[in-house]
Each structure stands twice: as structure tokens, then as C-alpha cells.
């Protein structure tokens, strides 16, 4: 994630994550299509929360699950390429 979003997460009281350094490289195709574009600093979002307890967690199907407070924070940034759907726990889905 960008440093700007990471800073907002750090300033929030959201739970269930840690931030680490991230190394981002440009592909040859990226450089060919946009050679002068500078990338912003990025951070690695390590989601380590528990479902139903923390604001950020990973579901059994490997999807990111965020609380309503977490979603509100993320929606204050650009989510143009995110699919957002309600989380339905497996027991509620008949599993």
C-alpha cells in the first residue's frame, strides 16, 4: 500500500495489522508504457487479525475482511480496482 494509506492506518485505532518495508520494482512493460512515472513509497500491509475480533483479518478463502470502520478508512482513498462485498461467515452460509 502507499505510504499515505499506511500513515492513515497508523493514525487510526484499527487493529489486526502490522506494516513493514516493501520493495517495489517496475516491470519492463511498465517502463516501456510510462518511462517517466515515479512510484510513491509503498509499505507492506501484514494482516494478522482475528475474524470477528480485529478490524483487519484474512478469511479462510484468503480474502481480506475489514470492519465497517476499516472500510470507511479505505474508502477515503482510491479503491477503483477493488471488489467489495459483505462478508458472510461460513456458518451463516450453510457450511
C-alpha atoms as a PDB file:
ATOM      1  CA  UNK A   1       0.000   0.000   0.000  1.00  0.00           C
ATOM      2  CA  UNK A   2       1.086   3.571  -0.423  1.00  0.00           C
ATOM      3  CA  UNK A   3       2.789   5.359   2.433  1.00  0.00           C
ATOM      4  CA  UNK A   4      -0.144   7.776   2.559  1.00  0.00           C
ATOM      5  CA  UNK A   5      -2.644   4.978   3.300  1.00  0.00           C
ATOM      6  CA  UNK A   6      -0.188   3.367   5.724  1.00  0.00           C
ATOM      7  CA  UNK A   7       0.122   6.654   7.620  1.00  0.00           C
ATOM      8  CA  UNK A   8      -3.679   6.860   7.915  1.00  0.00           C
ATOM      9  CA  UNK A   9      -3.786   3.285   9.269  1.00  0.00           C
ATOM     10  CA  UNK A  10      -1.121   4.060  11.844  1.00  0.00           C
ATOM     11  CA  UNK A  11      -3.043   7.154  12.967  1.00  0.00           C
ATOM     12  CA  UNK A  12      -6.281   5.163  13.258  1.00  0.00           C
ATOM     13  CA  UNK A  13      -7.178   2.887  16.125  1.00  0.00           C
ATOM     14  CA  UNK A  14      -7.745  -0.068  13.788  1.00  0.00           C
ATOM     15  CA  UNK A  15      -6.430  -3.459  14.870  1.00  0.00           C
ATOM     16  CA  UNK A  16      -5.172  -6.634  13.224  1.00  0.00           C
ATOM     17  CA  UNK A  17      -2.237  -5.460  11.129  1.00  0.00           C
ATOM     18  CA  UNK A  18       1.439  -4.554  11.073  1.00  0.00           C
ATOM     19  CA  UNK A  19       3.316  -2.509   8.499  1.00  0.00           C
ATOM     20  CA  UNK A  20       6.724  -3.421   7.110  1.00  0.00           C
ATOM     21  CA  UNK A  21       9.024  -2.127   4.419  1.00  0.00           C
ATOM     22  CA  UNK A  22       8.163  -3.149   0.853  1.00  0.00           C
ATOM     23  CA  UNK A  23      10.398  -3.293  -2.185  1.00  0.00           C
ATOM     24  CA  UNK A  24       8.541  -2.396  -5.380  1.00  0.00           C
ATOM     25  CA  UNK A  25      10.070  -2.773  -8.829  1.00  0.00           C
ATOM     26  CA  UNK A  26       8.790  -1.747 -12.241  1.00  0.00           C
ATOM     27  CA  UNK A  27       8.215  -4.343 -14.961  1.00  0.00           C
ATOM     28  CA  UNK A  28       9.724  -3.831 -18.397  1.00  0.00           C
ATOM     29  CA  UNK A  29       6.199  -3.241 -19.731  1.00  0.00           C
ATOM     30  CA  UNK A  30       5.555  -0.554 -17.121  1.00  0.00           C
ATOM     31  CA  UNK A  31       8.782   1.254 -18.005  1.00  0.00           C
ATOM     32  CA  UNK A  32       8.019   0.979 -21.715  1.00  0.00           C
ATOM     33  CA  UNK A  33       4.493   2.374 -21.332  1.00  0.00           C
ATOM     34  CA  UNK A  34       5.275   5.087 -18.776  1.00  0.00           C
ATOM     35  CA  UNK A  35       9.049   5.600 -18.548  1.00  0.00           C
ATOM     36  CA  UNK A  36       8.954   8.847 -16.579  1.00  0.00           C
ATOM     37  CA  UNK A  37       6.428   7.813 -13.957  1.00  0.00           C
ATOM     38  CA  UNK A  38       7.714   7.875 -10.385  1.00  0.00           C
ATOM     39  CA  UNK A  39       6.142   5.455  -7.957  1.00  0.00           C
ATOM     40  CA  UNK A  40       5.231   6.642  -4.479  1.00  0.00           C
ATOM     41  CA  UNK A  41       6.749   4.909  -1.449  1.00  0.00           C
ATOM     42  CA  UNK A  42       4.975   1.665  -0.566  1.00  0.00           C
ATOM     43  CA  UNK A  43       4.546  -0.328   2.660  1.00  0.00           C
ATOM     44  CA  UNK A  44       3.722  -4.000   3.161  1.00  0.00           C
ATOM     45  CA  UNK A  45       0.396  -4.468   4.969  1.00  0.00           C
ATOM     46  CA  UNK A  46       0.737  -7.623   7.069  1.00  0.00           C
ATOM     47  CA  UNK A  47      -2.772  -8.638   8.105  1.00  0.00           C
ATOM     48  CA  UNK A  48      -2.613 -10.674  11.299  1.00  0.00           C
ATOM     49  CA  UNK A  49      -6.011 -10.084  12.911  1.00  0.00           C
ATOM     50  CA  UNK A  50      -8.721 -12.490  14.035  1.00  0.00           C
ATOM     51  CA  UNK A  51     -12.099 -12.605  12.270  1.00  0.00           C
ATOM     52  CA  UNK A  52     -14.835 -11.058  14.359  1.00  0.00           C
ATOM     53  CA  UNK A  53     -12.359  -9.515  16.788  1.00  0.00           C
ATOM     54  CA  UNK A  54      -9.949  -7.262  14.858  1.00  0.00           C
ATOM     55  CA  UNK A  55     -10.624  -4.630  12.218  1.00  0.00           C
ATOM     56  CA  UNK A  56      -8.500  -6.407   9.589  1.00  0.00           C
ATOM     57  CA  UNK A  57      -8.327 -10.184   9.121  1.00  0.00           C
ATOM     58  CA  UNK A  58      -7.951 -12.831   6.427  1.00  0.00           C
ATOM     59  CA  UNK A  59     -10.872 -15.211   5.805  1.00  0.00           C
ATOM     60  CA  UNK A  60     -10.438 -18.951   5.192  1.00  0.00           C
ATOM     61  CA  UNK A  61     -10.841 -18.291   1.445  1.00  0.00           C
ATOM     62  CA  UNK A  62      -7.913 -15.800   1.658  1.00  0.00           C
ATOM     63  CA  UNK A  63     -10.000 -12.652   1.182  1.00  0.00           C
ATOM     64  CA  UNK A  64      -9.297  -9.529   3.192  1.00  0.00           C
ATOM     65  CA  UNK A  65     -12.071  -8.853   5.708  1.00  0.00           C
ATOM     66  CA  UNK A  66     -12.334  -5.376   7.207  1.00  0.00           C
ATOM     67  CA  UNK A  67     -14.659  -3.898   9.801  1.00  0.00           C
ATOM     68  CA  UNK A  68     -17.021  -1.074   8.913  1.00  0.00           C
ATOM     69  CA  UNK A  69     -14.519   1.361  10.461  1.00  0.00           C
ATOM     70  CA  UNK A  70     -11.753  -0.144   8.349  1.00  0.00           C
ATOM     71  CA  UNK A  71     -13.826   0.040   5.189  1.00  0.00           C
ATOM     72  CA  UNK A  72     -14.617   3.702   5.875  1.00  0.00           C
ATOM     73  CA  UNK A  73     -10.908   4.450   6.176  1.00  0.00           C
ATOM     74  CA  UNK A  74     -10.019   2.585   2.964  1.00  0.00           C
ATOM     75  CA  UNK A  75     -12.910   4.201   1.090  1.00  0.00           C
ATOM     76  CA  UNK A  76     -11.440   7.618   1.838  1.00  0.00           C
ATOM     77  CA  UNK A  77      -8.694   6.611  -0.641  1.00  0.00           C
ATOM     78  CA  UNK A  78      -8.797   5.282  -4.223  1.00  0.00           C
ATOM     79  CA  UNK A  79     -10.467   1.840  -4.420  1.00  0.00           C
ATOM     80  CA  UNK A  80     -11.102   1.832  -8.173  1.00  0.00           C
ATOM     81  CA  UNK A  81      -9.736  -1.698  -8.627  1.00  0.00           C
ATOM     82  CA  UNK A  82     -11.233  -3.339  -5.522  1.00  0.00           C
ATOM     83  CA  UNK A  83     -14.195  -5.677  -5.379  1.00  0.00           C
ATOM     84  CA  UNK A  84     -16.134  -5.022  -2.184  1.00  0.00           C
ATOM     85  CA  UNK A  85     -18.787  -7.400  -0.893  1.00  0.00           C
ATOM     86  CA  UNK A  86     -20.271  -8.195   2.523  1.00  0.00           C
ATOM     87  CA  UNK A  87     -18.524 -10.939   4.477  1.00  0.00           C
ATOM     88  CA  UNK A  88     -20.800 -13.900   5.178  1.00  0.00           C
ATOM     89  CA  UNK A  89     -19.312 -16.295   7.741  1.00  0.00           C
ATOM     90  CA  UNK A  90     -19.300 -19.956   6.609  1.00  0.00           C
ATOM     91  CA  UNK A  91     -21.803 -20.977   9.333  1.00  0.00           C
ATOM     92  CA  UNK A  92     -24.248 -18.337   8.098  1.00  0.00           C
ATOM     93  CA  UNK A  93     -23.793 -19.521   4.510  1.00  0.00           C
ATOM     94  CA  UNK A  94     -24.897 -23.066   5.394  1.00  0.00           C
ATOM     95  CA  UNK A  95     -21.458 -24.663   5.617  1.00  0.00           C
END
